[in-house]
Amino acid sequence: MRVSLSATTGTRTAATSHIRTFLQFLCWAGHHDQDLDRVVPRRLIGVWRICRRDLHGYLRRAIDAIGATTPVDIRDRAVLLLLATTGIRNGELRAIQLQDIDWHAGEVSVGRTKGNRDLVAPLLEETGAALADYVLRARPKVDSPNLFLSFTPPVAAFK
């Protein structure tokens, strides 16, 4: 997760809250059969103060807990990596379209941010590879501009 060591407590709490909420949504909506939000600590503030490096470990375990065998797993891994490395919000993630990814520059454009500004976030190598794997091997072949789609019929963008 790209939360700097000088980030405020609220920023750190919000970042982990976004990830936990998305993981809970995936389980609740039937998009993933594992309740992965359990691997992200609830009391991150205390954990952050004890050892800031542990944050990476918690996120790494959550990401590694997702396999890469089913299309749902491939999508969920790409989603978590994108959330963890860019810090974008749930609504921003759901609004990303295929055209927002600049594969050559290794960037993703995120419009409509909370502050009504455009954000261009770099794609780390692992995140870019996970997104490419999702688009090429797992993303349903439907006529939708949205990057991330549900696998539950009818296949559509997350709402």
C-alpha atoms as a PDB file:
ATOM      1  CA  MET A   1       0.000   0.000   0.000  1.00  0.00           C
ATOM      2  CA  ARG A   2       1.321   3.398  -0.875  1.00  0.00           C
ATOM      3  CA  VAL A   3       0.654   5.170   2.392  1.00  0.00           C
ATOM      4  CA  SER A   4       3.671   7.192   3.409  1.00  0.00           C
ATOM      5  CA  LEU A   5       5.201   6.957   6.843  1.00  0.00           C
ATOM      6  CA  SER A   6       4.268  10.586   7.392  1.00  0.00           C
ATOM      7  CA  ALA A   7       0.615   9.994   6.489  1.00  0.00           C
ATOM      8  CA  THR A   8      -1.921  11.027   9.067  1.00  0.00           C
ATOM      9  CA  THR A   9      -3.645   8.470  11.232  1.00  0.00           C
ATOM     10  CA  GLY A  10      -6.899   9.148   9.394  1.00  0.00           C
ATOM     11  CA  THR A  11      -5.289   8.501   6.021  1.00  0.00           C
ATOM     12  CA  ARG A  12      -3.830   5.188   7.182  1.00  0.00           C
ATOM     13  CA  THR A  13      -7.119   4.140   8.755  1.00  0.00           C
ATOM     14  CA  ALA A  14      -9.096   5.111   5.649  1.00  0.00           C
ATOM     15  CA  ALA A  15      -6.744   3.216   3.346  1.00  0.00           C
ATOM     16  CA  THR A  16      -7.084  -0.035   5.254  1.00  0.00           C
ATOM     17  CA  SER A  17     -10.811   0.523   5.706  1.00  0.00           C
ATOM     18  CA  HIS A  18     -11.259   0.779   1.923  1.00  0.00           C
ATOM     19  CA  ILE A  19      -9.461  -2.515   1.416  1.00  0.00           C
ATOM     20  CA  ARG A  20     -11.416  -4.280   4.182  1.00  0.00           C
ATOM     21  CA  THR A  21     -14.728  -2.952   2.834  1.00  0.00           C
ATOM     22  CA  PHE A  22     -13.967  -4.108  -0.681  1.00  0.00           C
ATOM     23  CA  LEU A  23     -12.971  -7.570   0.552  1.00  0.00           C
ATOM     24  CA  GLN A  24     -16.174  -7.802   2.590  1.00  0.00           C
ATOM     25  CA  PHE A  25     -18.186  -6.762  -0.467  1.00  0.00           C
ATOM     26  CA  LEU A  26     -16.586  -9.493  -2.596  1.00  0.00           C
ATOM     27  CA  CYS A  27     -17.586 -12.158  -0.078  1.00  0.00           C
ATOM     28  CA  TRP A  28     -21.061 -10.724   0.587  1.00  0.00           C
ATOM     29  CA  ALA A  29     -21.895 -10.400  -3.113  1.00  0.00           C
ATOM     30  CA  GLY A  30     -20.712 -13.936  -3.819  1.00  0.00           C
ATOM     31  CA  HIS A  31     -17.802 -12.830  -5.993  1.00  0.00           C
ATOM     32  CA  HIS A  32     -15.306 -14.648  -3.781  1.00  0.00           C
ATOM     33  CA  ASP A  33     -15.874 -17.600  -1.479  1.00  0.00           C
ATOM     34  CA  GLN A  34     -13.259 -16.604   1.113  1.00  0.00           C
ATOM     35  CA  ASP A  35     -13.755 -13.870   3.699  1.00  0.00           C
ATOM     36  CA  LEU A  36     -10.379 -12.200   3.090  1.00  0.00           C
ATOM     37  CA  ASP A  37     -11.012  -9.050   5.120  1.00  0.00           C
ATOM     38  CA  ARG A  38      -9.902 -11.022   8.189  1.00  0.00           C
ATOM     39  CA  VAL A  39      -6.241 -10.782   7.138  1.00  0.00           C
ATOM     40  CA  VAL A  40      -6.306  -6.957   7.209  1.00  0.00           C
ATOM     41  CA  PRO A  41      -6.052  -5.808  10.834  1.00  0.00           C
ATOM     42  CA  ARG A  42      -8.864  -3.760  12.342  1.00  0.00           C
ATOM     43  CA  ARG A  43      -6.609  -1.825  14.685  1.00  0.00           C
ATOM     44  CA  LEU A  44      -4.063  -0.676  12.180  1.00  0.00           C
ATOM     45  CA  ILE A  45      -3.243   2.459  14.140  1.00  0.00           C
ATOM     46  CA  GLY A  46      -1.790   0.416  16.991  1.00  0.00           C
ATOM     47  CA  VAL A  47      -0.055  -1.899  14.553  1.00  0.00           C
ATOM     48  CA  TRP A  48       1.308   1.104  12.659  1.00  0.00           C
ATOM     49  CA  ARG A  49       2.838   2.558  15.790  1.00  0.00           C
ATOM     50  CA  ILE A  50       4.382  -0.757  16.833  1.00  0.00           C
ATOM     51  CA  CYS A  51       5.979  -1.600  13.516  1.00  0.00           C
ATOM     52  CA  ARG A  52       5.248   0.323  10.345  1.00  0.00           C
ATOM     53  CA  ARG A  53       6.839  -2.349   8.190  1.00  0.00           C
ATOM     54  CA  ASP A  54       4.198  -4.869   9.249  1.00  0.00           C
ATOM     55  CA  LEU A  55       1.618  -3.061   7.101  1.00  0.00           C
ATOM     56  CA  HIS A  56       3.284  -4.381   3.985  1.00  0.00           C
ATOM     57  CA  GLY A  57       3.247  -7.884   5.483  1.00  0.00           C
ATOM     58  CA  TYR A  58      -0.485  -7.765   6.200  1.00  0.00           C
ATOM     59  CA  LEU A  59      -1.287  -6.578   2.697  1.00  0.00           C
ATOM     60  CA  ARG A  60       1.118  -9.050   1.136  1.00  0.00           C
ATOM     61  CA  ARG A  61      -0.600 -11.925   2.987  1.00  0.00           C
ATOM     62  CA  ALA A  62      -4.031 -10.714   1.840  1.00  0.00           C
ATOM     63  CA  ILE A  63      -2.886 -10.524  -1.771  1.00  0.00           C
ATOM     64  CA  ASP A  64      -1.058 -13.863  -1.617  1.00  0.00           C
ATOM     65  CA  ALA A  65      -4.133 -15.520  -0.077  1.00  0.00           C
ATOM     66  CA  ILE A  66      -5.864 -15.100  -3.417  1.00  0.00           C
ATOM     67  CA  GLY A  67      -4.968 -17.819  -5.871  1.00  0.00           C
ATOM     68  CA  ALA A  68      -4.521 -17.319  -9.587  1.00  0.00           C
ATOM     69  CA  THR A  69      -6.468 -20.313 -10.844  1.00  0.00           C
ATOM     70  CA  THR A  70      -9.985 -19.029 -11.467  1.00  0.00           C
ATOM     71  CA  PRO A  71     -11.087 -15.888 -13.321  1.00  0.00           C
ATOM     72  CA  VAL A  72     -12.549 -14.523 -10.063  1.00  0.00           C
ATOM     73  CA  ASP A  73      -9.214 -15.044  -8.279  1.00  0.00           C
ATOM     74  CA  ILE A  74      -7.309 -13.341 -11.089  1.00  0.00           C
ATOM     75  CA  ARG A  75      -9.685 -10.356 -10.995  1.00  0.00           C
ATOM     76  CA  ASP A  76      -9.616 -10.074  -7.197  1.00  0.00           C
ATOM     77  CA  ARG A  77      -5.816 -10.173  -7.107  1.00  0.00           C
ATOM     78  CA  ALA A  78      -5.648  -7.391  -9.716  1.00  0.00           C
ATOM     79  CA  VAL A  79      -8.179  -5.328  -7.747  1.00  0.00           C
ATOM     80  CA  LEU A  80      -6.295  -5.681  -4.459  1.00  0.00           C
ATOM     81  CA  LEU A  81      -2.952  -4.860  -6.038  1.00  0.00           C
ATOM     82  CA  LEU A  82      -4.425  -1.780  -7.701  1.00  0.00           C
ATOM     83  CA  LEU A  83      -6.014  -0.621  -4.436  1.00  0.00           C
ATOM     84  CA  ALA A  84      -2.876  -1.300  -2.414  1.00  0.00           C
ATOM     85  CA  THR A  85      -0.423   0.374  -4.779  1.00  0.00           C
ATOM     86  CA  THR A  86      -2.417   3.425  -5.858  1.00  0.00           C
ATOM     87  CA  GLY A  87      -4.579   4.242  -2.819  1.00  0.00           C
ATOM     88  CA  ILE A  88      -7.637   4.880  -4.972  1.00  0.00           C
ATOM     89  CA  ARG A  89     -11.103   4.687  -3.461  1.00  0.00           C
ATOM     90  CA  ASN A  90     -13.821   2.119  -4.098  1.00  0.00           C
ATOM     91  CA  GLY A  91     -15.869   4.371  -6.398  1.00  0.00           C
ATOM     92  CA  GLU A  92     -12.774   5.385  -8.340  1.00  0.00           C
ATOM     93  CA  LEU A  93     -11.856   1.727  -8.798  1.00  0.00           C
ATOM     94  CA  ARG A  94     -15.318   0.838 -10.082  1.00  0.00           C
ATOM     95  CA  ALA A  95     -15.226   3.750 -12.568  1.00  0.00           C
ATOM     96  CA  ILE A  96     -11.932   2.760 -14.226  1.00  0.00           C
ATOM     97  CA  GLN A  97     -12.385   1.885 -17.866  1.00  0.00           C
ATOM     98  CA  LEU A  98     -10.132  -0.094 -20.184  1.00  0.00           C
ATOM     99  CA  GLN A  99      -9.104   3.089 -21.977  1.00  0.00           C
ATOM    100  CA  ASP A 100      -7.856   4.583 -18.688  1.00  0.00           C
ATOM    101  CA  ILE A 101      -4.847   2.266 -18.653  1.00  0.00           C
ATOM    102  CA  ASP A 102      -1.793   3.437 -20.566  1.00  0.00           C
ATOM    103  CA  TRP A 103       0.104   0.176 -20.954  1.00  0.00           C
ATOM    104  CA  HIS A 104       3.125   1.774 -22.634  1.00  0.00           C
ATOM    105  CA  ALA A 105       3.595   4.457 -19.968  1.00  0.00           C
ATOM    106  CA  GLY A 106       2.640   2.102 -17.127  1.00  0.00           C
ATOM    107  CA  GLU A 107      -0.020   4.440 -15.757  1.00  0.00           C
ATOM    108  CA  VAL A 108      -3.691   4.396 -14.888  1.00  0.00           C
ATOM    109  CA  SER A 109      -5.815   7.533 -15.152  1.00  0.00           C
ATOM    110  CA  VAL A 110      -8.359   7.949 -12.406  1.00  0.00           C
ATOM    111  CA  GLY A 111     -10.938  10.623 -13.025  1.00  0.00           C
ATOM    112  CA  ARG A 112     -13.643  11.821 -10.704  1.00  0.00           C
ATOM    113  CA  THR A 113     -11.584  11.675  -7.516  1.00  0.00           C
ATOM    114  CA  LYS A 114     -12.926  12.905  -4.201  1.00  0.00           C
ATOM    115  CA  GLY A 115     -11.379  16.324  -4.749  1.00  0.00           C
ATOM    116  CA  ASN A 116     -12.732  16.553  -8.329  1.00  0.00           C
ATOM    117  CA  ARG A 117      -9.271  16.302  -9.791  1.00  0.00           C
ATOM    118  CA  ASP A 118      -7.715  13.938 -12.265  1.00  0.00           C
ATOM    119  CA  LEU A 119      -5.161  11.496 -10.923  1.00  0.00           C
ATOM    120  CA  VAL A 120      -2.594   9.584 -12.936  1.00  0.00           C
ATOM    121  CA  ALA A 121      -1.118   6.796 -10.855  1.00  0.00           C
ATOM    122  CA  PRO A 122       1.892   4.691 -11.836  1.00  0.00           C
ATOM    123  CA  LEU A 123       1.375   0.968 -12.247  1.00  0.00           C
ATOM    124  CA  LEU A 124       4.012  -1.016 -10.428  1.00  0.00           C
ATOM    125  CA  GLU A 125       5.291  -4.028 -12.348  1.00  0.00           C
ATOM    126  CA  GLU A 126       3.370  -6.570 -10.276  1.00  0.00           C
ATOM    127  CA  THR A 127       0.148  -4.563 -10.506  1.00  0.00           C
ATOM    128  CA  GLY A 128       0.496  -4.056 -14.256  1.00  0.00           C
ATOM    129  CA  ALA A 129       1.170  -7.770 -14.756  1.00  0.00           C
ATOM    130  CA  ALA A 130      -1.884  -8.694 -12.664  1.00  0.00           C
ATOM    131  CA  LEU A 131      -4.081  -6.271 -14.642  1.00  0.00           C
ATOM    132  CA  ALA A 132      -2.769  -7.612 -17.955  1.00  0.00           C
ATOM    133  CA  ASP A 133      -3.400 -11.188 -16.784  1.00  0.00           C
ATOM    134  CA  TYR A 134      -6.956 -10.252 -15.836  1.00  0.00           C
ATOM    135  CA  VAL A 135      -7.696  -8.452 -19.115  1.00  0.00           C
ATOM    136  CA  LEU A 136      -6.144 -11.147 -21.315  1.00  0.00           C
ATOM    137  CA  ARG A 137      -7.189 -14.339 -19.501  1.00  0.00           C
ATOM    138  CA  ALA A 138     -10.028 -13.704 -17.081  1.00  0.00           C
ATOM    139  CA  ARG A 139     -12.136 -10.664 -17.985  1.00  0.00           C
ATOM    140  CA  PRO A 140     -15.489 -11.696 -19.455  1.00  0.00           C
ATOM    141  CA  LYS A 141     -15.738 -11.081 -23.189  1.00  0.00           C
ATOM    142  CA  VAL A 142     -18.560  -8.555 -23.094  1.00  0.00           C
ATOM    143  CA  ASP A 143     -19.027  -5.145 -24.636  1.00  0.00           C
ATOM    144  CA  SER A 144     -18.389  -3.032 -21.550  1.00  0.00           C
ATOM    145  CA  PRO A 145     -15.885  -0.191 -21.226  1.00  0.00           C
ATOM    146  CA  ASN A 146     -15.418  -0.842 -17.498  1.00  0.00           C
ATOM    147  CA  LEU A 147     -12.246  -2.612 -16.458  1.00  0.00           C
ATOM    148  CA  PHE A 148     -13.604  -4.690 -13.595  1.00  0.00           C
ATOM    149  CA  LEU A 149     -16.721  -6.763 -14.133  1.00  0.00           C
ATOM    150  CA  SER A 150     -18.755  -9.107 -11.993  1.00  0.00           C
ATOM    151  CA  PHE A 151     -18.895 -12.749 -12.990  1.00  0.00           C
ATOM    152  CA  THR A 152     -22.415 -13.194 -11.667  1.00  0.00           C
ATOM    153  CA  PRO A 153     -25.010 -13.097 -14.484  1.00  0.00           C
ATOM    154  CA  PRO A 154     -25.752 -10.704 -15.921  1.00  0.00           C
ATOM    155  CA  VAL A 155     -22.091  -9.823 -16.335  1.00  0.00           C
ATOM    156  CA  ALA A 156     -21.714  -6.085 -15.763  1.00  0.00           C
ATOM    157  CA  ALA A 157     -19.621  -3.453 -14.068  1.00  0.00           C
ATOM    158  CA  PHE A 158     -19.656  -3.285 -10.286  1.00  0.00           C
ATOM    159  CA  LYS A 159     -22.245  -0.821  -9.039  1.00  0.00           C
END
